[in-house]
Amino acid sequence: VQLQASGGGLVQAGGSLRLSCAASGRTFSSYGMGWFRQAPGKEREFVAAINWSGGSVYYADSVKGRFTISRDNAKDTVYLQMNSLKVEDTAVYYCAADRSVYASQTLSDYDYWGQGTQVTVSS
């Protein structure tokens, strides 16, 4: 499966962005999907995950209550709505697909990765 992330940009603290990740190549609805991020000089970290149906979602504590992950299996797309953005949310955001149907918080569980989209939050 190929993943294409989009929607990043520059936003002021307190603002919002919506990231999209379009999938192609295989049956999107059979994959668990996740968003991860990597800030300069830091390791890639888990942000949010969603299972195949959208019925199970998980969030990192740092984004809980501010970010919402969702998916549209008819459009082969997963989204990350990011509200109340903080400077510390600045990173490259990656979407990833897990061949299991589950939502995983573990980076090594993911089999396919998108190219990343830059999110920059200014103070």
PDB file of N, CA and C in Angstrom:
ATOM      1  N   VAL A   1       0.848  -1.185   0.000  1.00  0.00           N
ATOM      2  CA  VAL A   1       0.000   0.000   0.000  1.00  0.00           C
ATOM      3  C   VAL A   1       0.887   1.240   0.000  1.00  0.00           C
ATOM      4  N   GLN A   2       0.474   2.239  -0.730  1.00  0.00           N
ATOM      5  CA  GLN A   2       1.186   3.522  -0.755  1.00  0.00           C
ATOM      6  C   GLN A   2       0.380   4.545   0.023  1.00  0.00           C
ATOM      7  N   LEU A   3       1.075   5.354   0.801  1.00  0.00           N
ATOM      8  CA  LEU A   3       0.434   6.348   1.650  1.00  0.00           C
ATOM      9  C   LEU A   3       0.948   7.736   1.290  1.00  0.00           C
ATOM     10  N   GLN A   4       0.028   8.684   1.175  1.00  0.00           N
ATOM     11  CA  GLN A   4       0.382  10.058   0.824  1.00  0.00           C
ATOM     12  C   GLN A   4      -0.230  10.988   1.853  1.00  0.00           C
ATOM     13  N   ALA A   5       0.618  11.583   2.673  1.00  0.00           N
ATOM     14  CA  ALA A   5       0.154  12.511   3.708  1.00  0.00           C
ATOM     15  C   ALA A   5       0.144  13.934   3.174  1.00  0.00           C
ATOM     16  N   SER A   6      -0.815  14.709   3.623  1.00  0.00           N
ATOM     17  CA  SER A   6      -0.912  16.109   3.213  1.00  0.00           C
ATOM     18  C   SER A   6      -1.611  16.908   4.302  1.00  0.00           C
ATOM     19  N   GLY A   7      -1.589  18.237   4.151  1.00  0.00           N
ATOM     20  CA  GLY A   7      -2.323  19.099   5.063  1.00  0.00           C
ATOM     21  C   GLY A   7      -1.473  19.841   6.074  1.00  0.00           C
ATOM     22  N   GLY A   8      -0.181  19.580   6.093  1.00  0.00           N
ATOM     23  CA  GLY A   8       0.682  20.295   7.020  1.00  0.00           C
ATOM     24  C   GLY A   8       0.842  21.746   6.622  1.00  0.00           C
ATOM     25  N   GLY A   9       1.477  22.499   7.499  1.00  0.00           N
ATOM     26  CA  GLY A   9       1.699  23.911   7.204  1.00  0.00           C
ATOM     27  C   GLY A   9       2.149  24.663   8.429  1.00  0.00           C
ATOM     28  N   LEU A  10       2.113  25.974   8.304  1.00  0.00           N
ATOM     29  CA  LEU A  10       2.496  26.866   9.391  1.00  0.00           C
ATOM     30  C   LEU A  10       1.236  27.456  10.016  1.00  0.00           C
ATOM     31  N   VAL A  11       1.128  27.378  11.329  1.00  0.00           N
ATOM     32  CA  VAL A  11      -0.047  27.879  12.034  1.00  0.00           C
ATOM     33  C   VAL A  11       0.395  28.480  13.356  1.00  0.00           C
ATOM     34  N   GLN A  12      -0.364  29.460  13.828  1.00  0.00           N
ATOM     35  CA  GLN A  12      -0.059  30.048  15.126  1.00  0.00           C
ATOM     36  C   GLN A  12      -0.545  29.150  16.254  1.00  0.00           C
ATOM     37  N   ALA A  13       0.085  29.275  17.392  1.00  0.00           N
ATOM     38  CA  ALA A  13      -0.348  28.536  18.572  1.00  0.00           C
ATOM     39  C   ALA A  13      -1.826  28.817  18.836  1.00  0.00           C
ATOM     40  N   GLY A  14      -2.559  27.755  19.162  1.00  0.00           N
ATOM     41  CA  GLY A  14      -3.991  27.865  19.368  1.00  0.00           C
ATOM     42  C   GLY A  14      -4.815  27.582  18.126  1.00  0.00           C
ATOM     43  N   GLY A  15      -4.149  27.506  16.982  1.00  0.00           N
ATOM     44  CA  GLY A  15      -4.839  27.259  15.729  1.00  0.00           C
ATOM     45  C   GLY A  15      -5.091  25.784  15.479  1.00  0.00           C
ATOM     46  N   SER A  16      -5.599  25.511  14.273  1.00  0.00           N
ATOM     47  CA  SER A  16      -5.982  24.151  13.906  1.00  0.00           C
ATOM     48  C   SER A  16      -5.438  23.793  12.526  1.00  0.00           C
ATOM     49  N   LEU A  17      -5.225  22.508  12.342  1.00  0.00           N
ATOM     50  CA  LEU A  17      -4.897  21.938  11.035  1.00  0.00           C
ATOM     51  C   LEU A  17      -5.556  20.577  10.937  1.00  0.00           C
ATOM     52  N   ARG A  18      -5.843  20.167   9.711  1.00  0.00           N
ATOM     53  CA  ARG A  18      -6.312  18.812   9.492  1.00  0.00           C
ATOM     54  C   ARG A  18      -5.375  18.120   8.514  1.00  0.00           C
ATOM     55  N   LEU A  19      -4.784  17.037   8.959  1.00  0.00           N
ATOM     56  CA  LEU A  19      -3.934  16.226   8.106  1.00  0.00           C
ATOM     57  C   LEU A  19      -4.764  15.132   7.458  1.00  0.00           C
ATOM     58  N   SER A  20      -4.398  14.790   6.244  1.00  0.00           N
ATOM     59  CA  SER A  20      -5.035  13.696   5.527  1.00  0.00           C
ATOM     60  C   SER A  20      -3.959  12.708   5.080  1.00  0.00           C
ATOM     61  N   CYS A  21      -4.349  11.468   4.993  1.00  0.00           N
ATOM     62  CA  CYS A  21      -3.446  10.435   4.492  1.00  0.00           C
ATOM     63  C   CYS A  21      -4.251   9.545   3.558  1.00  0.00           C
ATOM     64  N   ALA A  22      -3.945   9.641   2.282  1.00  0.00           N
ATOM     65  CA  ALA A  22      -4.646   8.854   1.269  1.00  0.00           C
ATOM     66  C   ALA A  22      -3.862   7.584   0.975  1.00  0.00           C
ATOM     67  N   ALA A  23      -4.572   6.463   0.944  1.00  0.00           N
ATOM     68  CA  ALA A  23      -3.945   5.168   0.717  1.00  0.00           C
ATOM     69  C   ALA A  23      -4.335   4.613  -0.643  1.00  0.00           C
ATOM     70  N   SER A  24      -3.438   3.864  -1.223  1.00  0.00           N
ATOM     71  CA  SER A  24      -3.737   3.213  -2.493  1.00  0.00           C
ATOM     72  C   SER A  24      -2.962   1.910  -2.553  1.00  0.00           C
ATOM     73  N   GLY A  25      -3.438   0.989  -3.352  1.00  0.00           N
ATOM     74  CA  GLY A  25      -2.694  -0.230  -3.610  1.00  0.00           C
ATOM     75  C   GLY A  25      -3.263  -1.494  -2.999  1.00  0.00           C
ATOM     76  N   ARG A  26      -3.882  -1.395  -1.859  1.00  0.00           N
ATOM     77  CA  ARG A  26      -4.443  -2.583  -1.229  1.00  0.00           C
ATOM     78  C   ARG A  26      -5.785  -2.217  -0.590  1.00  0.00           C
ATOM     79  N   THR A  27      -6.360  -3.125   0.125  1.00  0.00           N
ATOM     80  CA  THR A  27      -7.644  -2.903   0.769  1.00  0.00           C
ATOM     81  C   THR A  27      -7.437  -2.087   2.032  1.00  0.00           C
ATOM     82  N   PHE A  28      -7.708  -0.804   1.914  1.00  0.00           N
ATOM     83  CA  PHE A  28      -7.470   0.116   3.018  1.00  0.00           C
ATOM     84  C   PHE A  28      -8.231  -0.285   4.260  1.00  0.00           C
ATOM     85  N   SER A  29      -9.445  -0.741   4.092  1.00  0.00           N
ATOM     86  CA  SER A  29     -10.307  -1.004   5.244  1.00  0.00           C
ATOM     87  C   SER A  29      -9.824  -2.161   6.099  1.00  0.00           C
ATOM     88  N   SER A  30      -8.851  -2.915   5.639  1.00  0.00           N
ATOM     89  CA  SER A  30      -8.348  -4.041   6.425  1.00  0.00           C
ATOM     90  C   SER A  30      -7.150  -3.659   7.288  1.00  0.00           C
ATOM     91  N   TYR A  31      -6.727  -2.406   7.218  1.00  0.00           N
ATOM     92  CA  TYR A  31      -5.541  -1.975   7.949  1.00  0.00           C
ATOM     93  C   TYR A  31      -5.887  -1.127   9.162  1.00  0.00           C
ATOM     94  N   GLY A  32      -5.130  -1.349  10.225  1.00  0.00           N
ATOM     95  CA  GLY A  32      -5.098  -0.362  11.286  1.00  0.00           C
ATOM     96  C   GLY A  32      -4.211   0.792  10.820  1.00  0.00           C
ATOM     97  N   MET A  33      -4.551   2.009  11.239  1.00  0.00           N
ATOM     98  CA  MET A  33      -3.821   3.185  10.784  1.00  0.00           C
ATOM     99  C   MET A  33      -3.334   3.998  11.971  1.00  0.00           C
ATOM    100  N   GLY A  34      -2.210   4.654  11.778  1.00  0.00           N
ATOM    101  CA  GLY A  34      -1.667   5.468  12.864  1.00  0.00           C
ATOM    102  C   GLY A  34      -1.013   6.733  12.350  1.00  0.00           C
ATOM    103  N   TRP A  35      -0.886   7.685  13.242  1.00  0.00           N
ATOM    104  CA  TRP A  35      -0.113   8.899  13.004  1.00  0.00           C
ATOM    105  C   TRP A  35       1.027   8.950  14.024  1.00  0.00           C
ATOM    106  N   PHE A  36       2.190   9.271  13.531  1.00  0.00           N
ATOM    107  CA  PHE A  36       3.369   9.460  14.361  1.00  0.00           C
ATOM    108  C   PHE A  36       3.979  10.808  14.008  1.00  0.00           C
ATOM    109  N   ARG A  37       4.866  11.287  14.850  1.00  0.00           N
ATOM    110  CA  ARG A  37       5.545  12.545  14.546  1.00  0.00           C
ATOM    111  C   ARG A  37       6.990  12.484  15.008  1.00  0.00           C
ATOM    112  N   GLN A  38       7.798  13.303  14.356  1.00  0.00           N
ATOM    113  CA  GLN A  38       9.210  13.354  14.700  1.00  0.00           C
ATOM    114  C   GLN A  38       9.679  14.798  14.661  1.00  0.00           C
ATOM    115  N   ALA A  39      10.093  15.294  15.810  1.00  0.00           N
ATOM    116  CA  ALA A  39      10.641  16.634  15.919  1.00  0.00           C
ATOM    117  C   ALA A  39      12.153  16.578  15.712  1.00  0.00           C
ATOM    118  N   PRO A  40      12.775  17.681  15.325  1.00  0.00           N
ATOM    119  CA  PRO A  40      14.221  17.685  15.101  1.00  0.00           C
ATOM    120  C   PRO A  40      14.989  17.205  16.329  1.00  0.00           C
ATOM    121  N   GLY A  41      15.883  16.249  16.115  1.00  0.00           N
ATOM    122  CA  GLY A  41      16.709  15.751  17.199  1.00  0.00           C
ATOM    123  C   GLY A  41      16.028  14.782  18.137  1.00  0.00           C
ATOM    124  N   LYS A  42      14.787  14.420  17.815  1.00  0.00           N
ATOM    125  CA  LYS A  42      14.040  13.506  18.675  1.00  0.00           C
ATOM    126  C   LYS A  42      13.635  12.257  17.907  1.00  0.00           C
ATOM    127  N   GLU A  43      13.273  11.240  18.653  1.00  0.00           N
ATOM    128  CA  GLU A  43      12.814  10.011  18.030  1.00  0.00           C
ATOM    129  C   GLU A  43      11.368  10.169  17.564  1.00  0.00           C
ATOM    130  N   ARG A  44      11.011   9.346  16.598  1.00  0.00           N
ATOM    131  CA  ARG A  44       9.623   9.337  16.133  1.00  0.00           C
ATOM    132  C   ARG A  44       8.736   8.812  17.265  1.00  0.00           C
ATOM    133  N   GLU A  45       7.600   9.489  17.463  1.00  0.00           N
ATOM    134  CA  GLU A  45       6.728   9.113  18.573  1.00  0.00           C
ATOM    135  C   GLU A  45       5.294   8.935  18.108  1.00  0.00           C
ATOM    136  N   PHE A  46       4.579   8.124  18.852  1.00  0.00           N
ATOM    137  CA  PHE A  46       3.177   7.837  18.577  1.00  0.00           C
ATOM    138  C   PHE A  46       2.323   9.064  18.858  1.00  0.00           C
ATOM    139  N   VAL A  47       1.327   9.283  17.993  1.00  0.00           N
ATOM    140  CA  VAL A  47       0.375  10.367  18.186  1.00  0.00           C
ATOM    141  C   VAL A  47      -1.037   9.815  18.354  1.00  0.00           C
ATOM    142  N   ALA A  48      -1.489   9.022  17.390  1.00  0.00           N
ATOM    143  CA  ALA A  48      -2.856   8.512  17.423  1.00  0.00           C
ATOM    144  C   ALA A  48      -2.963   7.278  16.532  1.00  0.00           C
ATOM    145  N   ALA A  49      -3.936   6.426  16.835  1.00  0.00           N
ATOM    146  CA  ALA A  49      -4.159   5.229  16.037  1.00  0.00           C
ATOM    147  C   ALA A  49      -5.646   4.912  15.995  1.00  0.00           C
ATOM    148  N   ILE A  50      -6.041   4.214  14.930  1.00  0.00           N
ATOM    149  CA  ILE A  50      -7.441   3.861  14.741  1.00  0.00           C
ATOM    150  C   ILE A  50      -7.509   2.480  14.129  1.00  0.00           C
ATOM    151  N   ASN A  51      -8.476   1.668  14.573  1.00  0.00           N
ATOM    152  CA  ASN A  51      -8.572   0.323  14.024  1.00  0.00           C
ATOM    153  C   ASN A  51      -9.310   0.345  12.687  1.00  0.00           C
ATOM    154  N   TRP A  52      -9.524  -0.817  12.102  1.00  0.00           N
ATOM    155  CA  TRP A  52     -10.048  -0.909  10.744  1.00  0.00           C
ATOM    156  C   TRP A  52     -11.423  -0.267  10.592  1.00  0.00           C
ATOM    157  N   SER A  53     -12.253  -0.370  11.619  1.00  0.00           N
ATOM    158  CA  SER A  53     -13.620   0.125  11.518  1.00  0.00           C
ATOM    159  C   SER A  53     -13.784   1.546  12.033  1.00  0.00           C
ATOM    160  N   GLY A  54     -12.778   2.028  12.745  1.00  0.00           N
ATOM    161  CA  GLY A  54     -12.923   3.321  13.397  1.00  0.00           C
ATOM    162  C   GLY A  54     -13.522   3.220  14.785  1.00  0.00           C
ATOM    163  N   GLY A  55     -13.804   2.011  15.223  1.00  0.00           N
ATOM    164  CA  GLY A  55     -14.445   1.822  16.511  1.00  0.00           C
ATOM    165  C   GLY A  55     -13.514   1.902  17.699  1.00  0.00           C
ATOM    166  N   SER A  56     -12.219   1.784  17.460  1.00  0.00           N
ATOM    167  CA  SER A  56     -11.229   1.893  18.528  1.00  0.00           C
ATOM    168  C   SER A  56     -10.183   2.925  18.141  1.00  0.00           C
ATOM    169  N   VAL A  57      -9.962   3.862  19.030  1.00  0.00           N
ATOM    170  CA  VAL A  57      -8.952   4.898  18.793  1.00  0.00           C
ATOM    171  C   VAL A  57      -8.097   5.055  20.043  1.00  0.00           C
ATOM    172  N   TYR A  58      -6.858   5.460  19.833  1.00  0.00           N
ATOM    173  CA  TYR A  58      -5.929   5.687  20.935  1.00  0.00           C
ATOM    174  C   TYR A  58      -5.146   6.968  20.650  1.00  0.00           C
ATOM    175  N   TYR A  59      -4.792   7.647  21.742  1.00  0.00           N
ATOM    176  CA  TYR A  59      -4.045   8.891  21.617  1.00  0.00           C
ATOM    177  C   TYR A  59      -2.895   8.929  22.602  1.00  0.00           C
ATOM    178  N   ALA A  60      -1.846   9.596  22.206  1.00  0.00           N
ATOM    179  CA  ALA A  60      -0.789   9.921  23.157  1.00  0.00           C
ATOM    180  C   ALA A  60      -1.350  10.903  24.182  1.00  0.00           C
ATOM    181  N   ASP A  61      -0.863  10.819  25.393  1.00  0.00           N
ATOM    182  CA  ASP A  61      -1.358  11.711  26.439  1.00  0.00           C
ATOM    183  C   ASP A  61      -1.162  13.179  26.071  1.00  0.00           C
ATOM    184  N   SER A  62      -0.107  13.456  25.338  1.00  0.00           N
ATOM    185  CA  SER A  62       0.221  14.845  25.006  1.00  0.00           C
ATOM    186  C   SER A  62      -0.771  15.489  24.046  1.00  0.00           C
ATOM    187  N   VAL A  63      -1.573  14.668  23.342  1.00  0.00           N
ATOM    188  CA  VAL A  63      -2.513  15.235  22.366  1.00  0.00           C
ATOM    189  C   VAL A  63      -3.964  14.931  22.715  1.00  0.00           C
ATOM    190  N   LYS A  64      -4.175  14.147  23.734  1.00  0.00           N
ATOM    191  CA  LYS A  64      -5.532  13.751  24.113  1.00  0.00           C
ATOM    192  C   LYS A  64      -6.381  14.983  24.410  1.00  0.00           C
ATOM    193  N   GLY A  65      -7.574  14.995  23.841  1.00  0.00           N
ATOM    194  CA  GLY A  65      -8.468  16.132  24.035  1.00  0.00           C
ATOM    195  C   GLY A  65      -8.270  17.251  23.029  1.00  0.00           C
ATOM    196  N   ARG A  66      -7.193  17.211  22.265  1.00  0.00           N
ATOM    197  CA  ARG A  66      -6.916  18.246  21.263  1.00  0.00           C
ATOM    198  C   ARG A  66      -6.937  17.685  19.844  1.00  0.00           C
ATOM    199  N   PHE A  67      -6.496  16.442  19.678  1.00  0.00           N
ATOM    200  CA  PHE A  67      -6.417  15.822  18.355  1.00  0.00           C
ATOM    201  C   PHE A  67      -7.504  14.755  18.234  1.00  0.00           C
ATOM    202  N   THR A  68      -7.983  14.568  17.003  1.00  0.00           N
ATOM    203  CA  THR A  68      -8.975  13.532  16.729  1.00  0.00           C
ATOM    204  C   THR A  68      -8.576  12.786  15.463  1.00  0.00           C
ATOM    205  N   ILE A  69      -8.461  11.470  15.580  1.00  0.00           N
ATOM    206  CA  ILE A  69      -8.182  10.639  14.414  1.00  0.00           C
ATOM    207  C   ILE A  69      -9.495  10.048  13.905  1.00  0.00           C
ATOM    208  N   SER A  70      -9.634   9.974  12.601  1.00  0.00           N
ATOM    209  CA  SER A  70     -10.829   9.383  11.999  1.00  0.00           C
ATOM    210  C   SER A  70     -10.438   8.782  10.659  1.00  0.00           C
ATOM    211  N   ARG A  71     -11.347   8.016  10.084  1.00  0.00           N
ATOM    212  CA  ARG A  71     -11.067   7.415   8.785  1.00  0.00           C
ATOM    213  C   ARG A  71     -12.345   7.341   7.977  1.00  0.00           C
ATOM    214  N   ASP A  72     -12.183   7.361   6.672  1.00  0.00           N
ATOM    215  CA  ASP A  72     -13.286   7.179   5.735  1.00  0.00           C
ATOM    216  C   ASP A  72     -12.863   6.050   4.805  1.00  0.00           C
ATOM    217  N   ASN A  73     -13.359   4.865   5.057  1.00  0.00           N
ATOM    218  CA  ASN A  73     -12.938   3.707   4.260  1.00  0.00           C
ATOM    219  C   ASN A  73     -13.436   3.793   2.812  1.00  0.00           C
ATOM    220  N   ALA A  74     -14.498   4.516   2.587  1.00  0.00           N
ATOM    221  CA  ALA A  74     -14.978   4.693   1.216  1.00  0.00           C
ATOM    222  C   ALA A  74     -14.018   5.551   0.396  1.00  0.00           C
ATOM    223  N   LYS A  75     -13.263   6.409   1.087  1.00  0.00           N
ATOM    224  CA  LYS A  75     -12.309   7.288   0.413  1.00  0.00           C
ATOM    225  C   LYS A  75     -10.864   6.850   0.613  1.00  0.00           C
ATOM    226  N   ASP A  76     -10.673   5.735   1.307  1.00  0.00           N
ATOM    227  CA  ASP A  76      -9.315   5.227   1.569  1.00  0.00           C
ATOM    228  C   ASP A  76      -8.438   6.291   2.211  1.00  0.00           C
ATOM    229  N   THR A  77      -8.986   6.992   3.186  1.00  0.00           N
ATOM    230  CA  THR A  77      -8.288   8.121   3.776  1.00  0.00           C
ATOM    231  C   THR A  77      -8.438   8.106   5.295  1.00  0.00           C
ATOM    232  N   VAL A  78      -7.354   8.460   5.969  1.00  0.00           N
ATOM    233  CA  VAL A  78      -7.388   8.661   7.406  1.00  0.00           C
ATOM    234  C   VAL A  78      -7.031  10.122   7.671  1.00  0.00           C
ATOM    235  N   TYR A  79      -7.637  10.672   8.704  1.00  0.00           N
ATOM    236  CA  TYR A  79      -7.474  12.094   9.015  1.00  0.00           C
ATOM    237  C   TYR A  79      -6.935  12.275  10.428  1.00  0.00           C
ATOM    238  N   LEU A  80      -6.306  13.402  10.641  1.00  0.00           N
ATOM    239  CA  LEU A  80      -5.912  13.821  11.985  1.00  0.00           C
ATOM    240  C   LEU A  80      -6.294  15.287  12.133  1.00  0.00           C
ATOM    241  N   GLN A  81      -7.359  15.532  12.872  1.00  0.00           N
ATOM    242  CA  GLN A  81      -7.781  16.896  13.164  1.00  0.00           C
ATOM    243  C   GLN A  81      -7.016  17.373  14.393  1.00  0.00           C
ATOM    244  N   MET A  82      -6.299  18.462  14.243  1.00  0.00           N
ATOM    245  CA  MET A  82      -5.448  18.971  15.321  1.00  0.00           C
ATOM    246  C   MET A  82      -5.939  20.356  15.719  1.00  0.00           C
ATOM    247  N   ASN A  83      -6.430  20.470  16.937  1.00  0.00           N
ATOM    248  CA  ASN A  83      -6.921  21.741  17.466  1.00  0.00           C
ATOM    249  C   ASN A  83      -6.042  22.197  18.625  1.00  0.00           C
ATOM    250  N   SER A  84      -6.179  23.449  18.974  1.00  0.00           N
ATOM    251  CA  SER A  84      -5.423  24.021  20.104  1.00  0.00           C
ATOM    252  C   SER A  84      -3.948  23.672  20.000  1.00  0.00           C
ATOM    253  N   LEU A  85      -3.404  23.892  18.836  1.00  0.00           N
ATOM    254  CA  LEU A  85      -2.011  23.506  18.593  1.00  0.00           C
ATOM    255  C   LEU A  85      -1.050  24.295  19.473  1.00  0.00           C
ATOM    256  N   LYS A  86       0.016  23.605  19.865  1.00  0.00           N
ATOM    257  CA  LYS A  86       1.051  24.188  20.708  1.00  0.00           C
ATOM    258  C   LYS A  86       2.379  24.186  19.949  1.00  0.00           C
ATOM    259  N   VAL A  87       3.285  25.021  20.386  1.00  0.00           N
ATOM    260  CA  VAL A  87       4.609  25.075  19.750  1.00  0.00           C
ATOM    261  C   VAL A  87       5.264  23.700  19.770  1.00  0.00           C
ATOM    262  N   GLU A  88       5.046  22.976  20.849  1.00  0.00           N
ATOM    263  CA  GLU A  88       5.678  21.658  20.990  1.00  0.00           C
ATOM    264  C   GLU A  88       5.071  20.599  20.078  1.00  0.00           C
ATOM    265  N   ASP A  89       4.014  20.931  19.359  1.00  0.00           N
ATOM    266  CA  ASP A  89       3.465  20.017  18.355  1.00  0.00           C
ATOM    267  C   ASP A  89       4.234  20.097  17.037  1.00  0.00           C
ATOM    268  N   THR A  90       5.147  21.030  16.931  1.00  0.00           N
ATOM    269  CA  THR A  90       5.937  21.169  15.710  1.00  0.00           C
ATOM    270  C   THR A  90       6.744  19.907  15.435  1.00  0.00           C
ATOM    271  N   ALA A  91       6.568  19.351  14.247  1.00  0.00           N
ATOM    272  CA  ALA A  91       7.224  18.094  13.881  1.00  0.00           C
ATOM    273  C   ALA A  91       6.847  17.743  12.445  1.00  0.00           C
ATOM    274  N   VAL A  92       7.522  16.734  11.934  1.00  0.00           N
ATOM    275  CA  VAL A  92       7.056  16.082  10.704  1.00  0.00           C
ATOM    276  C   VAL A  92       6.104  14.977  11.127  1.00  0.00           C
ATOM    277  N   TYR A  93       4.923  14.988  10.548  1.00  0.00           N
ATOM    278  CA  TYR A  93       3.890  14.009  10.877  1.00  0.00           C
ATOM    279  C   TYR A  93       3.822  12.938   9.790  1.00  0.00           C
ATOM    280  N   TYR A  94       3.821  11.691  10.240  1.00  0.00           N
ATOM    281  CA  TYR A  94       3.800  10.546   9.339  1.00  0.00           C
ATOM    282  C   TYR A  94       2.546   9.717   9.579  1.00  0.00           C
ATOM    283  N   CYS A  95       1.929   9.268   8.498  1.00  0.00           N
ATOM    284  CA  CYS A  95       0.875   8.275   8.648  1.00  0.00           C
ATOM    285  C   CYS A  95       1.471   6.905   8.346  1.00  0.00           C
ATOM    286  N   ALA A  96       0.863   5.889   8.917  1.00  0.00           N
ATOM    287  CA  ALA A  96       1.380   4.536   8.769  1.00  0.00           C
ATOM    288  C   ALA A  96       0.233   3.542   8.770  1.00  0.00           C
ATOM    289  N   ALA A  97       0.465   2.398   8.121  1.00  0.00           N
ATOM    290  CA  ALA A  97      -0.545   1.349   8.018  1.00  0.00           C
ATOM    291  C   ALA A  97      -0.022   0.054   8.614  1.00  0.00           C
ATOM    292  N   ASP A  98      -0.875  -0.580   9.383  1.00  0.00           N
ATOM    293  CA  ASP A  98      -0.563  -1.851  10.051  1.00  0.00           C
ATOM    294  C   ASP A  98      -1.400  -2.932   9.387  1.00  0.00           C
ATOM    295  N   ARG A  99      -0.787  -3.990   8.913  1.00  0.00           N
ATOM    296  CA  ARG A  99      -1.532  -5.040   8.201  1.00  0.00           C
ATOM    297  C   ARG A  99      -2.512  -5.787   9.093  1.00  0.00           C
ATOM    298  N   SER A 100      -2.373  -5.660  10.396  1.00  0.00           N
ATOM    299  CA  SER A 100      -3.430  -6.181  11.261  1.00  0.00           C
ATOM    300  C   SER A 100      -4.577  -5.177  11.248  1.00  0.00           C
ATOM    301  N   VAL A 101      -5.717  -5.565  11.716  1.00  0.00           N
ATOM    302  CA  VAL A 101      -6.873  -4.661  11.722  1.00  0.00           C
ATOM    303  C   VAL A 101      -6.886  -3.749  12.936  1.00  0.00           C
ATOM    304  N   TYR A 102      -5.925  -3.945  13.820  1.00  0.00           N
ATOM    305  CA  TYR A 102      -5.970  -3.270  15.110  1.00  0.00           C
ATOM    306  C   TYR A 102      -5.321  -1.894  15.096  1.00  0.00           C
ATOM    307  N   ALA A 103      -5.602  -1.128  16.105  1.00  0.00           N
ATOM    308  CA  ALA A 103      -4.954   0.172  16.318  1.00  0.00           C
ATOM    309  C   ALA A 103      -3.797  -0.043  17.271  1.00  0.00           C
ATOM    310  N   SER A 104      -2.594   0.184  16.794  1.00  0.00           N
ATOM    311  CA  SER A 104      -1.409  -0.049  17.608  1.00  0.00           C
ATOM    312  C   SER A 104      -0.716   1.264  17.932  1.00  0.00           C
ATOM    313  N   GLN A 105      -0.141   1.318  19.136  1.00  0.00           N
ATOM    314  CA  GLN A 105       0.642   2.476  19.558  1.00  0.00           C
ATOM    315  C   GLN A 105       2.142   2.244  19.362  1.00  0.00           C
ATOM    316  N   THR A 106       2.487   1.078  18.810  1.00  0.00           N
ATOM    317  CA  THR A 106       3.881   0.661  18.700  1.00  0.00           C
ATOM    318  C   THR A 106       4.391   0.881  17.291  1.00  0.00           C
ATOM    319  N   LEU A 107       5.421   1.667  17.158  1.00  0.00           N
ATOM    320  CA  LEU A 107       5.965   2.028  15.855  1.00  0.00           C
ATOM    321  C   LEU A 107       6.330   0.803  15.030  1.00  0.00           C
ATOM    322  N   SER A 108       6.934  -0.203  15.654  1.00  0.00           N
ATOM    323  CA  SER A 108       7.422  -1.375  14.930  1.00  0.00           C
ATOM    324  C   SER A 108       6.294  -2.267  14.402  1.00  0.00           C
ATOM    325  N   ASP A 109       5.070  -2.037  14.829  1.00  0.00           N
ATOM    326  CA  ASP A 109       3.938  -2.820  14.322  1.00  0.00           C
ATOM    327  C   ASP A 109       3.506  -2.381  12.928  1.00  0.00           C
ATOM    328  N   TYR A 110       3.947  -1.223  12.501  1.00  0.00           N
ATOM    329  CA  TYR A 110       3.476  -0.664  11.242  1.00  0.00           C
ATOM    330  C   TYR A 110       4.345  -1.113  10.073  1.00  0.00           C
ATOM    331  N   ASP A 111       3.663  -1.437   8.976  1.00  0.00           N
ATOM    332  CA  ASP A 111       4.327  -2.034   7.828  1.00  0.00           C
ATOM    333  C   ASP A 111       4.594  -1.044   6.699  1.00  0.00           C
ATOM    334  N   TYR A 112       3.786  -0.018   6.615  1.00  0.00           N
ATOM    335  CA  TYR A 112       3.895   0.938   5.515  1.00  0.00           C
ATOM    336  C   TYR A 112       3.862   2.351   6.092  1.00  0.00           C
ATOM    337  N   TRP A 113       4.663   3.228   5.482  1.00  0.00           N
ATOM    338  CA  TRP A 113       4.785   4.601   5.955  1.00  0.00           C
ATOM    339  C   TRP A 113       4.635   5.591   4.811  1.00  0.00           C
ATOM    340  N   GLY A 114       3.993   6.698   5.106  1.00  0.00           N
ATOM    341  CA  GLY A 114       3.926   7.794   4.158  1.00  0.00           C
ATOM    342  C   GLY A 114       5.185   8.639   4.244  1.00  0.00           C
ATOM    343  N   GLN A 115       5.246   9.673   3.435  1.00  0.00           N
ATOM    344  CA  GLN A 115       6.465  10.451   3.309  1.00  0.00           C
ATOM    345  C   GLN A 115       6.592  11.552   4.359  1.00  0.00           C
ATOM    346  N   GLY A 116       5.539  11.844   5.078  1.00  0.00           N
ATOM    347  CA  GLY A 116       5.585  12.866   6.113  1.00  0.00           C
ATOM    348  C   GLY A 116       5.139  14.224   5.617  1.00  0.00           C
ATOM    349  N   THR A 117       4.544  14.988   6.509  1.00  0.00           N
ATOM    350  CA  THR A 117       4.137  16.353   6.209  1.00  0.00           C
ATOM    351  C   THR A 117       4.528  17.240   7.384  1.00  0.00           C
ATOM    352  N   GLN A 118       5.104  18.391   7.079  1.00  0.00           N
ATOM    353  CA  GLN A 118       5.641  19.264   8.123  1.00  0.00           C
ATOM    354  C   GLN A 118       4.531  20.092   8.760  1.00  0.00           C
ATOM    355  N   VAL A 119       4.500  20.094  10.074  1.00  0.00           N
ATOM    356  CA  VAL A 119       3.613  20.963  10.845  1.00  0.00           C
ATOM    357  C   VAL A 119       4.492  21.872  11.701  1.00  0.00           C
ATOM    358  N   THR A 120       4.313  23.163  11.534  1.00  0.00           N
ATOM    359  CA  THR A 120       5.073  24.135  12.300  1.00  0.00           C
ATOM    360  C   THR A 120       4.105  25.052  13.027  1.00  0.00           C
ATOM    361  N   VAL A 121       4.251  25.112  14.349  1.00  0.00           N
ATOM    362  CA  VAL A 121       3.385  25.948  15.165  1.00  0.00           C
ATOM    363  C   VAL A 121       4.230  27.082  15.747  1.00  0.00           C
ATOM    364  N   SER A 122       3.831  28.300  15.443  1.00  0.00           N
ATOM    365  CA  SER A 122       4.584  29.464  15.908  1.00  0.00           C
ATOM    366  C   SER A 122       3.930  30.071  17.140  1.00  0.00           C
ATOM    367  N   SER A 123       4.745  30.700  17.964  1.00  0.00           N
ATOM    368  CA  SER A 123       4.219  31.304  19.203  1.00  0.00           C
ATOM    369  C   SER A 123       3.711  32.711  18.958  1.00  0.00           C
TER     370      SER A 123
END
